[in-house]
Amino acid sequence: WSLVAPCFSPVGDANCRTNPAVEHAIDSALRGLPAKVDRVLAAVVRRASHARIVVVGHGGIFGPSGCFPEATISDGDAAFVARFFDRFNTVLRDAAGRAAGMFIDVSGAAVGHDVCSRTPWFAGNWPDSVIHVRHPTPLGSKGIARLIVDRLGATPV
């Protein structure tokens, strides 16, 4: 979250999308991420050779526009954050493929369930409940679990 944190501002457009330091930090982090994810997945395979590898994506928390106080972000920066999560998920999807695993796309399924919607899957930056910021709500947890169960072909308990 520290990579896109500069995109959120309660007082107006943060213009993170035009900030070269933000872009550089994101590019640097994403360049090093594939090797890190590959190491983690390889360790899982070494320790549990018969395990099914399932990598759950990220994103969908914020939609195409902001709303105060849950998503204090401009439309331009919201698009920038969405592109960041697209890039992040590409890294995860590719790593899952290299590990002969599957990737679960949360961001695509969460469209219409961002923090500004009537049926949010995630708490916003300033939730008014006991849910941690930017973490799944009970509805979101159920939706994400359903995605996983459907992909695994399992019957829910």
N, C-alpha and C. Protein backbone atom coordinates (compact mmCIF):
# COMPACT_ATOMS: atom_id res chain seq x y z
N TRP A 1 0.80 -1.19 0.00
CA TRP A 1 0.00 0.00 0.00
C TRP A 1 0.84 1.25 0.00
N SER A 2 2.04 1.15 0.50
CA SER A 2 2.88 2.35 0.54
C SER A 2 3.15 2.87 -0.87
N LEU A 3 3.10 2.00 -1.87
CA LEU A 3 3.38 2.43 -3.24
C LEU A 3 2.31 3.37 -3.79
N VAL A 4 1.05 3.14 -3.44
CA VAL A 4 -0.03 3.98 -3.95
C VAL A 4 -0.60 4.92 -2.89
N ALA A 5 -0.06 4.88 -1.69
CA ALA A 5 -0.54 5.77 -0.62
C ALA A 5 -0.51 7.25 -1.02
N PRO A 6 0.49 7.71 -1.80
CA PRO A 6 0.49 9.12 -2.18
C PRO A 6 -0.69 9.53 -3.06
N CYS A 7 -1.47 8.57 -3.54
CA CYS A 7 -2.60 8.87 -4.41
C CYS A 7 -3.83 9.32 -3.63
N PHE A 8 -3.82 9.16 -2.33
CA PHE A 8 -4.99 9.47 -1.52
C PHE A 8 -4.78 10.79 -0.79
N SER A 9 -5.74 11.69 -0.94
CA SER A 9 -5.66 13.00 -0.29
C SER A 9 -7.07 13.48 0.04
N PRO A 10 -7.31 13.82 1.31
CA PRO A 10 -8.64 14.30 1.68
C PRO A 10 -8.92 15.73 1.23
N VAL A 11 -7.93 16.40 0.67
CA VAL A 11 -8.10 17.82 0.32
C VAL A 11 -8.07 18.09 -1.18
N GLY A 12 -8.13 17.06 -2.02
CA GLY A 12 -8.13 17.30 -3.45
C GLY A 12 -7.30 16.29 -4.21
N ASP A 13 -7.04 16.60 -5.46
CA ASP A 13 -6.31 15.72 -6.36
C ASP A 13 -4.84 15.66 -5.95
N ALA A 14 -4.36 14.48 -5.59
CA ALA A 14 -2.97 14.29 -5.19
C ALA A 14 -2.03 14.25 -6.39
N ASN A 15 -2.56 14.04 -7.59
CA ASN A 15 -1.76 13.96 -8.81
C ASN A 15 -0.61 12.97 -8.71
N CYS A 16 -0.84 11.86 -8.05
CA CYS A 16 0.24 10.87 -7.95
C CYS A 16 0.59 10.30 -9.33
N ARG A 17 -0.38 10.32 -10.23
CA ARG A 17 -0.17 9.77 -11.57
C ARG A 17 0.88 10.55 -12.37
N THR A 18 1.19 11.76 -11.93
CA THR A 18 2.19 12.58 -12.63
C THR A 18 3.46 12.73 -11.80
N ASN A 19 3.56 11.99 -10.70
CA ASN A 19 4.70 12.09 -9.81
C ASN A 19 5.76 11.06 -10.20
N PRO A 20 6.91 11.51 -10.73
CA PRO A 20 7.94 10.57 -11.17
C PRO A 20 8.47 9.69 -10.03
N ALA A 21 8.48 10.20 -8.81
CA ALA A 21 8.97 9.39 -7.69
C ALA A 21 8.04 8.22 -7.41
N VAL A 22 6.73 8.46 -7.52
CA VAL A 22 5.76 7.39 -7.32
C VAL A 22 5.91 6.35 -8.43
N GLU A 23 6.00 6.79 -9.65
CA GLU A 23 6.15 5.87 -10.79
C GLU A 23 7.44 5.05 -10.66
N HIS A 24 8.52 5.70 -10.26
CA HIS A 24 9.80 5.00 -10.08
C HIS A 24 9.70 3.94 -8.98
N ALA A 25 9.07 4.30 -7.86
CA ALA A 25 8.92 3.33 -6.76
C ALA A 25 8.09 2.13 -7.20
N ILE A 26 7.01 2.38 -7.92
CA ILE A 26 6.17 1.28 -8.41
C ILE A 26 6.94 0.41 -9.40
N ASP A 27 7.60 1.04 -10.35
CA ASP A 27 8.37 0.27 -11.34
C ASP A 27 9.45 -0.58 -10.67
N SER A 28 10.16 0.00 -9.71
CA SER A 28 11.21 -0.75 -9.02
C SER A 28 10.65 -1.94 -8.25
N ALA A 29 9.56 -1.70 -7.54
CA ALA A 29 8.96 -2.78 -6.75
C ALA A 29 8.44 -3.90 -7.65
N LEU A 30 7.78 -3.53 -8.73
CA LEU A 30 7.22 -4.55 -9.62
C LEU A 30 8.30 -5.31 -10.38
N ARG A 31 9.42 -4.66 -10.64
CA ARG A 31 10.54 -5.35 -11.30
C ARG A 31 11.09 -6.47 -10.43
N GLY A 32 11.16 -6.23 -9.13
CA GLY A 32 11.71 -7.24 -8.22
C GLY A 32 10.71 -8.26 -7.72
N LEU A 33 9.44 -8.03 -7.95
CA LEU A 33 8.40 -8.90 -7.40
C LEU A 33 8.36 -10.31 -8.00
N PRO A 34 8.53 -10.50 -9.30
CA PRO A 34 8.42 -11.87 -9.83
C PRO A 34 9.37 -12.86 -9.16
N ALA A 35 10.60 -12.48 -8.94
CA ALA A 35 11.56 -13.39 -8.31
C ALA A 35 11.13 -13.72 -6.87
N LYS A 36 10.60 -12.74 -6.17
CA LYS A 36 10.15 -12.98 -4.79
C LYS A 36 8.98 -13.94 -4.75
N VAL A 37 8.00 -13.73 -5.62
CA VAL A 37 6.83 -14.61 -5.64
C VAL A 37 7.25 -16.01 -6.09
N ASP A 38 8.13 -16.09 -7.07
CA ASP A 38 8.61 -17.40 -7.52
C ASP A 38 9.29 -18.16 -6.37
N ARG A 39 10.09 -17.46 -5.56
CA ARG A 39 10.76 -18.12 -4.43
C ARG A 39 9.73 -18.65 -3.42
N VAL A 40 8.72 -17.88 -3.13
CA VAL A 40 7.69 -18.31 -2.18
C VAL A 40 6.95 -19.54 -2.72
N LEU A 41 6.55 -19.48 -3.98
CA LEU A 41 5.81 -20.62 -4.55
C LEU A 41 6.68 -21.86 -4.65
N ALA A 42 7.97 -21.68 -4.96
CA ALA A 42 8.89 -22.82 -5.00
C ALA A 42 9.04 -23.44 -3.62
N ALA A 43 9.06 -22.62 -2.59
CA ALA A 43 9.15 -23.14 -1.22
C ALA A 43 7.89 -23.92 -0.86
N VAL A 44 6.74 -23.46 -1.30
CA VAL A 44 5.49 -24.18 -1.05
C VAL A 44 5.56 -25.56 -1.73
N VAL A 45 5.99 -25.58 -2.98
CA VAL A 45 6.08 -26.84 -3.71
C VAL A 45 7.07 -27.79 -3.04
N ARG A 46 8.21 -27.26 -2.57
CA ARG A 46 9.19 -28.12 -1.88
C ARG A 46 8.60 -28.72 -0.61
N ARG A 47 7.85 -27.95 0.12
CA ARG A 47 7.32 -28.42 1.40
C ARG A 47 6.04 -29.25 1.25
N ALA A 48 5.33 -29.04 0.17
CA ALA A 48 4.06 -29.76 -0.04
C ALA A 48 3.93 -30.06 -1.52
N SER A 49 4.67 -31.07 -1.96
CA SER A 49 4.78 -31.35 -3.40
C SER A 49 3.45 -31.69 -4.07
N HIS A 50 2.48 -32.11 -3.31
CA HIS A 50 1.18 -32.46 -3.90
C HIS A 50 0.13 -31.36 -3.73
N ALA A 51 0.55 -30.24 -3.19
CA ALA A 51 -0.40 -29.13 -2.96
C ALA A 51 -0.83 -28.51 -4.28
N ARG A 52 -2.05 -28.02 -4.31
CA ARG A 52 -2.52 -27.24 -5.45
C ARG A 52 -2.16 -25.79 -5.18
N ILE A 53 -1.46 -25.20 -6.10
CA ILE A 53 -1.04 -23.81 -5.94
C ILE A 53 -2.18 -22.90 -6.40
N VAL A 54 -2.63 -22.04 -5.49
CA VAL A 54 -3.68 -21.08 -5.79
C VAL A 54 -3.16 -19.71 -5.36
N VAL A 55 -3.06 -18.81 -6.31
CA VAL A 55 -2.62 -17.45 -6.02
C VAL A 55 -3.83 -16.53 -6.19
N VAL A 56 -4.17 -15.86 -5.12
CA VAL A 56 -5.34 -14.97 -5.13
C VAL A 56 -4.87 -13.56 -5.41
N GLY A 57 -5.45 -12.96 -6.44
CA GLY A 57 -5.08 -11.62 -6.84
C GLY A 57 -5.53 -10.56 -5.86
N HIS A 58 -5.27 -9.33 -6.22
CA HIS A 58 -5.56 -8.20 -5.35
C HIS A 58 -6.19 -7.10 -6.17
N GLY A 59 -6.85 -6.19 -5.51
CA GLY A 59 -7.46 -5.07 -6.22
C GLY A 59 -8.96 -5.15 -6.17
N GLY A 60 -9.58 -4.17 -6.80
CA GLY A 60 -11.02 -4.07 -6.78
C GLY A 60 -11.54 -3.27 -5.60
N ILE A 61 -10.62 -2.83 -4.77
CA ILE A 61 -11.00 -2.07 -3.58
C ILE A 61 -11.58 -0.72 -3.97
N PHE A 62 -10.92 -0.07 -4.91
CA PHE A 62 -11.33 1.26 -5.35
C PHE A 62 -11.85 1.19 -6.77
N GLY A 63 -12.89 1.95 -7.03
CA GLY A 63 -13.49 1.98 -8.36
C GLY A 63 -12.93 3.12 -9.19
N PRO A 64 -13.67 3.54 -10.20
CA PRO A 64 -13.18 4.57 -11.13
C PRO A 64 -13.22 5.99 -10.57
N SER A 65 -13.81 6.15 -9.40
CA SER A 65 -13.86 7.48 -8.79
C SER A 65 -13.80 7.35 -7.28
N GLY A 66 -13.54 8.45 -6.64
CA GLY A 66 -13.45 8.45 -5.20
C GLY A 66 -14.77 8.77 -4.53
N CYS A 67 -14.79 8.65 -3.21
CA CYS A 67 -15.92 9.04 -2.38
C CYS A 67 -15.37 9.29 -0.99
N PHE A 68 -15.79 10.35 -0.39
CA PHE A 68 -15.27 10.71 0.92
C PHE A 68 -16.13 10.05 2.01
N PRO A 69 -15.56 9.48 3.05
CA PRO A 69 -14.14 9.38 3.37
C PRO A 69 -13.51 8.05 2.99
N GLU A 70 -14.30 7.14 2.40
CA GLU A 70 -13.80 5.80 2.11
C GLU A 70 -12.68 5.78 1.07
N ALA A 71 -12.81 6.60 0.04
CA ALA A 71 -11.81 6.63 -1.03
C ALA A 71 -11.53 8.08 -1.41
N THR A 72 -10.58 8.65 -0.73
CA THR A 72 -10.23 10.05 -0.96
C THR A 72 -9.22 10.12 -2.10
N ILE A 73 -9.73 9.93 -3.31
CA ILE A 73 -8.88 9.83 -4.49
C ILE A 73 -9.59 10.50 -5.66
N SER A 74 -8.81 11.14 -6.51
CA SER A 74 -9.38 11.76 -7.71
C SER A 74 -9.62 10.69 -8.77
N ASP A 75 -10.44 11.02 -9.75
CA ASP A 75 -10.71 10.07 -10.83
C ASP A 75 -9.42 9.70 -11.57
N GLY A 76 -8.57 10.69 -11.83
CA GLY A 76 -7.31 10.44 -12.53
C GLY A 76 -6.40 9.52 -11.74
N ASP A 77 -6.30 9.75 -10.44
CA ASP A 77 -5.46 8.89 -9.62
C ASP A 77 -6.10 7.52 -9.40
N ALA A 78 -7.44 7.45 -9.39
CA ALA A 78 -8.12 6.15 -9.27
C ALA A 78 -7.77 5.27 -10.47
N ALA A 79 -7.72 5.84 -11.65
CA ALA A 79 -7.32 5.08 -12.85
C ALA A 79 -5.87 4.62 -12.74
N PHE A 80 -5.02 5.47 -12.19
CA PHE A 80 -3.61 5.14 -11.99
C PHE A 80 -3.47 3.96 -11.02
N VAL A 81 -4.22 4.00 -9.92
CA VAL A 81 -4.19 2.91 -8.94
C VAL A 81 -4.72 1.62 -9.57
N ALA A 82 -5.76 1.71 -10.38
CA ALA A 82 -6.29 0.53 -11.06
C ALA A 82 -5.23 -0.08 -11.98
N ARG A 83 -4.49 0.76 -12.69
CA ARG A 83 -3.41 0.25 -13.57
C ARG A 83 -2.31 -0.42 -12.75
N PHE A 84 -2.01 0.16 -11.58
CA PHE A 84 -1.02 -0.47 -10.69
C PHE A 84 -1.46 -1.89 -10.34
N PHE A 85 -2.73 -2.05 -9.92
CA PHE A 85 -3.20 -3.38 -9.55
C PHE A 85 -3.27 -4.32 -10.75
N ASP A 86 -3.53 -3.81 -11.93
CA ASP A 86 -3.47 -4.64 -13.13
C ASP A 86 -2.06 -5.18 -13.32
N ARG A 87 -1.07 -4.31 -13.17
CA ARG A 87 0.33 -4.73 -13.31
C ARG A 87 0.71 -5.72 -12.21
N PHE A 88 0.30 -5.44 -10.99
CA PHE A 88 0.58 -6.31 -9.84
C PHE A 88 -0.02 -7.70 -10.08
N ASN A 89 -1.28 -7.73 -10.52
CA ASN A 89 -1.94 -9.00 -10.78
C ASN A 89 -1.32 -9.76 -11.94
N THR A 90 -0.78 -9.05 -12.91
CA THR A 90 -0.07 -9.73 -14.00
C THR A 90 1.13 -10.49 -13.45
N VAL A 91 1.85 -9.87 -12.53
CA VAL A 91 2.99 -10.55 -11.89
C VAL A 91 2.51 -11.81 -11.17
N LEU A 92 1.43 -11.68 -10.41
CA LEU A 92 0.91 -12.84 -9.67
C LEU A 92 0.39 -13.92 -10.61
N ARG A 93 -0.33 -13.53 -11.65
CA ARG A 93 -0.87 -14.48 -12.63
C ARG A 93 0.27 -15.25 -13.31
N ASP A 94 1.29 -14.52 -13.72
CA ASP A 94 2.42 -15.16 -14.39
C ASP A 94 3.16 -16.12 -13.45
N ALA A 95 3.33 -15.71 -12.20
CA ALA A 95 4.01 -16.58 -11.22
C ALA A 95 3.20 -17.84 -10.98
N ALA A 96 1.88 -17.71 -10.88
CA ALA A 96 1.03 -18.89 -10.71
C ALA A 96 1.21 -19.84 -11.88
N GLY A 97 1.26 -19.29 -13.08
CA GLY A 97 1.46 -20.12 -14.27
C GLY A 97 2.80 -20.84 -14.25
N ARG A 98 3.86 -20.12 -13.85
CA ARG A 98 5.19 -20.76 -13.79
C ARG A 98 5.23 -21.87 -12.76
N ALA A 99 4.39 -21.77 -11.73
CA ALA A 99 4.35 -22.79 -10.67
C ALA A 99 3.29 -23.86 -10.95
N ALA A 100 2.74 -23.85 -12.16
CA ALA A 100 1.67 -24.79 -12.52
C ALA A 100 0.47 -24.67 -11.58
N GLY A 101 0.22 -23.44 -11.17
CA GLY A 101 -0.90 -23.18 -10.28
C GLY A 101 -2.00 -22.42 -10.99
N MET A 102 -2.95 -21.95 -10.22
CA MET A 102 -4.05 -21.17 -10.78
C MET A 102 -4.08 -19.80 -10.13
N PHE A 103 -4.60 -18.85 -10.88
CA PHE A 103 -4.72 -17.48 -10.40
C PHE A 103 -6.20 -17.16 -10.25
N ILE A 104 -6.55 -16.56 -9.13
CA ILE A 104 -7.93 -16.15 -8.87
C ILE A 104 -7.99 -14.63 -9.02
N ASP A 105 -8.77 -14.15 -9.97
CA ASP A 105 -8.89 -12.71 -10.24
C ASP A 105 -9.96 -12.10 -9.35
N VAL A 106 -9.53 -11.41 -8.31
CA VAL A 106 -10.46 -10.75 -7.40
C VAL A 106 -10.91 -9.41 -7.98
N SER A 107 -9.99 -8.68 -8.59
CA SER A 107 -10.33 -7.33 -9.05
C SER A 107 -11.43 -7.34 -10.10
N GLY A 108 -11.41 -8.30 -11.00
CA GLY A 108 -12.45 -8.38 -12.01
C GLY A 108 -13.80 -8.71 -11.40
N ALA A 109 -13.80 -9.64 -10.47
CA ALA A 109 -15.05 -10.04 -9.82
C ALA A 109 -15.60 -8.95 -8.90
N ALA A 110 -14.72 -8.09 -8.40
CA ALA A 110 -15.14 -7.05 -7.46
C ALA A 110 -15.68 -5.80 -8.15
N VAL A 111 -15.70 -5.77 -9.48
CA VAL A 111 -16.24 -4.61 -10.17
C VAL A 111 -17.69 -4.40 -9.72
N GLY A 112 -18.00 -3.19 -9.32
CA GLY A 112 -19.33 -2.89 -8.80
C GLY A 112 -19.44 -3.09 -7.30
N HIS A 113 -18.37 -3.58 -6.69
CA HIS A 113 -18.35 -3.82 -5.25
C HIS A 113 -17.21 -3.06 -4.58
N ASP A 114 -16.76 -1.96 -5.21
CA ASP A 114 -15.67 -1.17 -4.61
C ASP A 114 -16.19 -0.44 -3.38
N VAL A 115 -15.29 0.24 -2.67
CA VAL A 115 -15.65 0.87 -1.40
C VAL A 115 -16.73 1.93 -1.53
N CYS A 116 -16.92 2.47 -2.72
CA CYS A 116 -17.95 3.50 -2.92
C CYS A 116 -19.31 2.92 -3.30
N SER A 117 -19.40 1.62 -3.46
CA SER A 117 -20.65 1.00 -3.89
C SER A 117 -21.58 0.76 -2.70
N ARG A 118 -22.80 0.34 -3.02
CA ARG A 118 -23.77 -0.01 -1.98
C ARG A 118 -23.48 -1.39 -1.40
N THR A 119 -22.69 -2.19 -2.12
CA THR A 119 -22.37 -3.56 -1.68
C THR A 119 -20.86 -3.76 -1.70
N PRO A 120 -20.13 -3.02 -0.86
CA PRO A 120 -18.66 -3.09 -0.92
C PRO A 120 -18.10 -4.42 -0.43
N TRP A 121 -17.11 -4.89 -1.17
CA TRP A 121 -16.37 -6.08 -0.76
C TRP A 121 -15.21 -5.71 0.14
N PHE A 122 -14.91 -4.41 0.25
CA PHE A 122 -13.75 -3.98 1.02
C PHE A 122 -14.09 -2.76 1.85
N ALA A 123 -13.40 -2.63 2.98
CA ALA A 123 -13.49 -1.40 3.75
C ALA A 123 -12.60 -0.37 3.07
N GLY A 124 -12.92 0.87 3.22
CA GLY A 124 -12.14 1.94 2.60
C GLY A 124 -10.96 2.37 3.44
N ASN A 125 -10.46 3.55 3.13
CA ASN A 125 -9.31 4.09 3.85
C ASN A 125 -9.68 4.55 5.26
N TRP A 126 -10.95 4.88 5.48
CA TRP A 126 -11.41 5.36 6.78
C TRP A 126 -12.71 4.66 7.14
N PRO A 127 -12.67 3.37 7.41
CA PRO A 127 -13.92 2.65 7.67
C PRO A 127 -14.56 3.09 8.99
N ASP A 128 -15.84 2.93 9.06
CA ASP A 128 -16.56 3.27 10.28
C ASP A 128 -17.01 2.00 11.00
N SER A 129 -16.23 0.96 10.87
CA SER A 129 -16.56 -0.32 11.50
C SER A 129 -15.31 -0.94 12.10
N VAL A 130 -15.42 -2.17 12.48
CA VAL A 130 -14.28 -2.88 13.08
C VAL A 130 -13.39 -3.54 12.03
N ILE A 131 -13.73 -3.40 10.76
CA ILE A 131 -12.94 -4.00 9.68
C ILE A 131 -11.71 -3.15 9.43
N HIS A 132 -10.58 -3.78 9.30
CA HIS A 132 -9.34 -3.06 9.01
C HIS A 132 -9.44 -2.35 7.67
N VAL A 133 -8.78 -1.22 7.56
CA VAL A 133 -8.81 -0.47 6.31
C VAL A 133 -8.32 -1.35 5.16
N ARG A 134 -9.02 -1.20 4.01
CA ARG A 134 -8.68 -1.88 2.76
C ARG A 134 -8.66 -3.41 2.89
N HIS A 135 -9.43 -3.94 3.81
CA HIS A 135 -9.54 -5.39 3.98
C HIS A 135 -10.98 -5.80 3.60
N PRO A 136 -11.17 -7.07 3.28
CA PRO A 136 -12.51 -7.52 2.89
C PRO A 136 -13.55 -7.35 3.99
N THR A 137 -14.73 -6.97 3.56
CA THR A 137 -15.90 -6.96 4.43
C THR A 137 -16.42 -8.41 4.50
N PRO A 138 -17.39 -8.70 5.37
CA PRO A 138 -17.97 -10.05 5.34
C PRO A 138 -18.51 -10.42 3.95
N LEU A 139 -19.14 -9.47 3.27
CA LEU A 139 -19.64 -9.73 1.92
C LEU A 139 -18.48 -10.02 0.96
N GLY A 140 -17.40 -9.27 1.10
CA GLY A 140 -16.22 -9.49 0.26
C GLY A 140 -15.55 -10.82 0.55
N SER A 141 -15.44 -11.16 1.82
CA SER A 141 -14.85 -12.45 2.18
C SER A 141 -15.65 -13.60 1.56
N LYS A 142 -16.96 -13.48 1.62
CA LYS A 142 -17.82 -14.51 1.04
C LYS A 142 -17.65 -14.56 -0.49
N GLY A 143 -17.59 -13.39 -1.13
CA GLY A 143 -17.40 -13.34 -2.58
C GLY A 143 -16.07 -13.93 -3.02
N ILE A 144 -15.02 -13.58 -2.30
CA ILE A 144 -13.68 -14.10 -2.64
C ILE A 144 -13.62 -15.60 -2.39
N ALA A 145 -14.18 -16.05 -1.27
CA ALA A 145 -14.21 -17.49 -0.99
C ALA A 145 -14.96 -18.24 -2.09
N ARG A 146 -16.07 -17.67 -2.57
CA ARG A 146 -16.84 -18.30 -3.63
C ARG A 146 -16.00 -18.43 -4.91
N LEU A 147 -15.23 -17.38 -5.22
CA LEU A 147 -14.35 -17.45 -6.40
C LEU A 147 -13.37 -18.61 -6.28
N ILE A 148 -12.78 -18.75 -5.12
CA ILE A 148 -11.80 -19.81 -4.88
C ILE A 148 -12.45 -21.18 -4.97
N VAL A 149 -13.58 -21.35 -4.27
CA VAL A 149 -14.28 -22.64 -4.27
C VAL A 149 -14.70 -23.01 -5.69
N ASP A 150 -15.23 -22.04 -6.42
CA ASP A 150 -15.66 -22.31 -7.81
C ASP A 150 -14.50 -22.77 -8.66
N ARG A 151 -13.34 -22.11 -8.53
CA ARG A 151 -12.18 -22.49 -9.34
C ARG A 151 -11.61 -23.85 -8.94
N LEU A 152 -11.67 -24.16 -7.65
CA LEU A 152 -11.15 -25.44 -7.18
C LEU A 152 -12.13 -26.58 -7.47
N GLY A 153 -13.38 -26.22 -7.73
CA GLY A 153 -14.38 -27.26 -8.00
C GLY A 153 -14.80 -27.99 -6.75
N ALA A 154 -14.63 -27.34 -5.62
CA ALA A 154 -14.97 -27.98 -4.34
C ALA A 154 -16.39 -27.59 -3.94
N THR A 155 -16.93 -28.38 -3.05
CA THR A 155 -18.23 -28.09 -2.47
C THR A 155 -18.01 -27.37 -1.17
N PRO A 156 -18.64 -26.19 -0.98
CA PRO A 156 -18.45 -25.49 0.29
C PRO A 156 -19.00 -26.28 1.47
N VAL A 157 -18.38 -26.11 2.60
CA VAL A 157 -18.81 -26.83 3.81
C VAL A 157 -19.98 -26.12 4.42
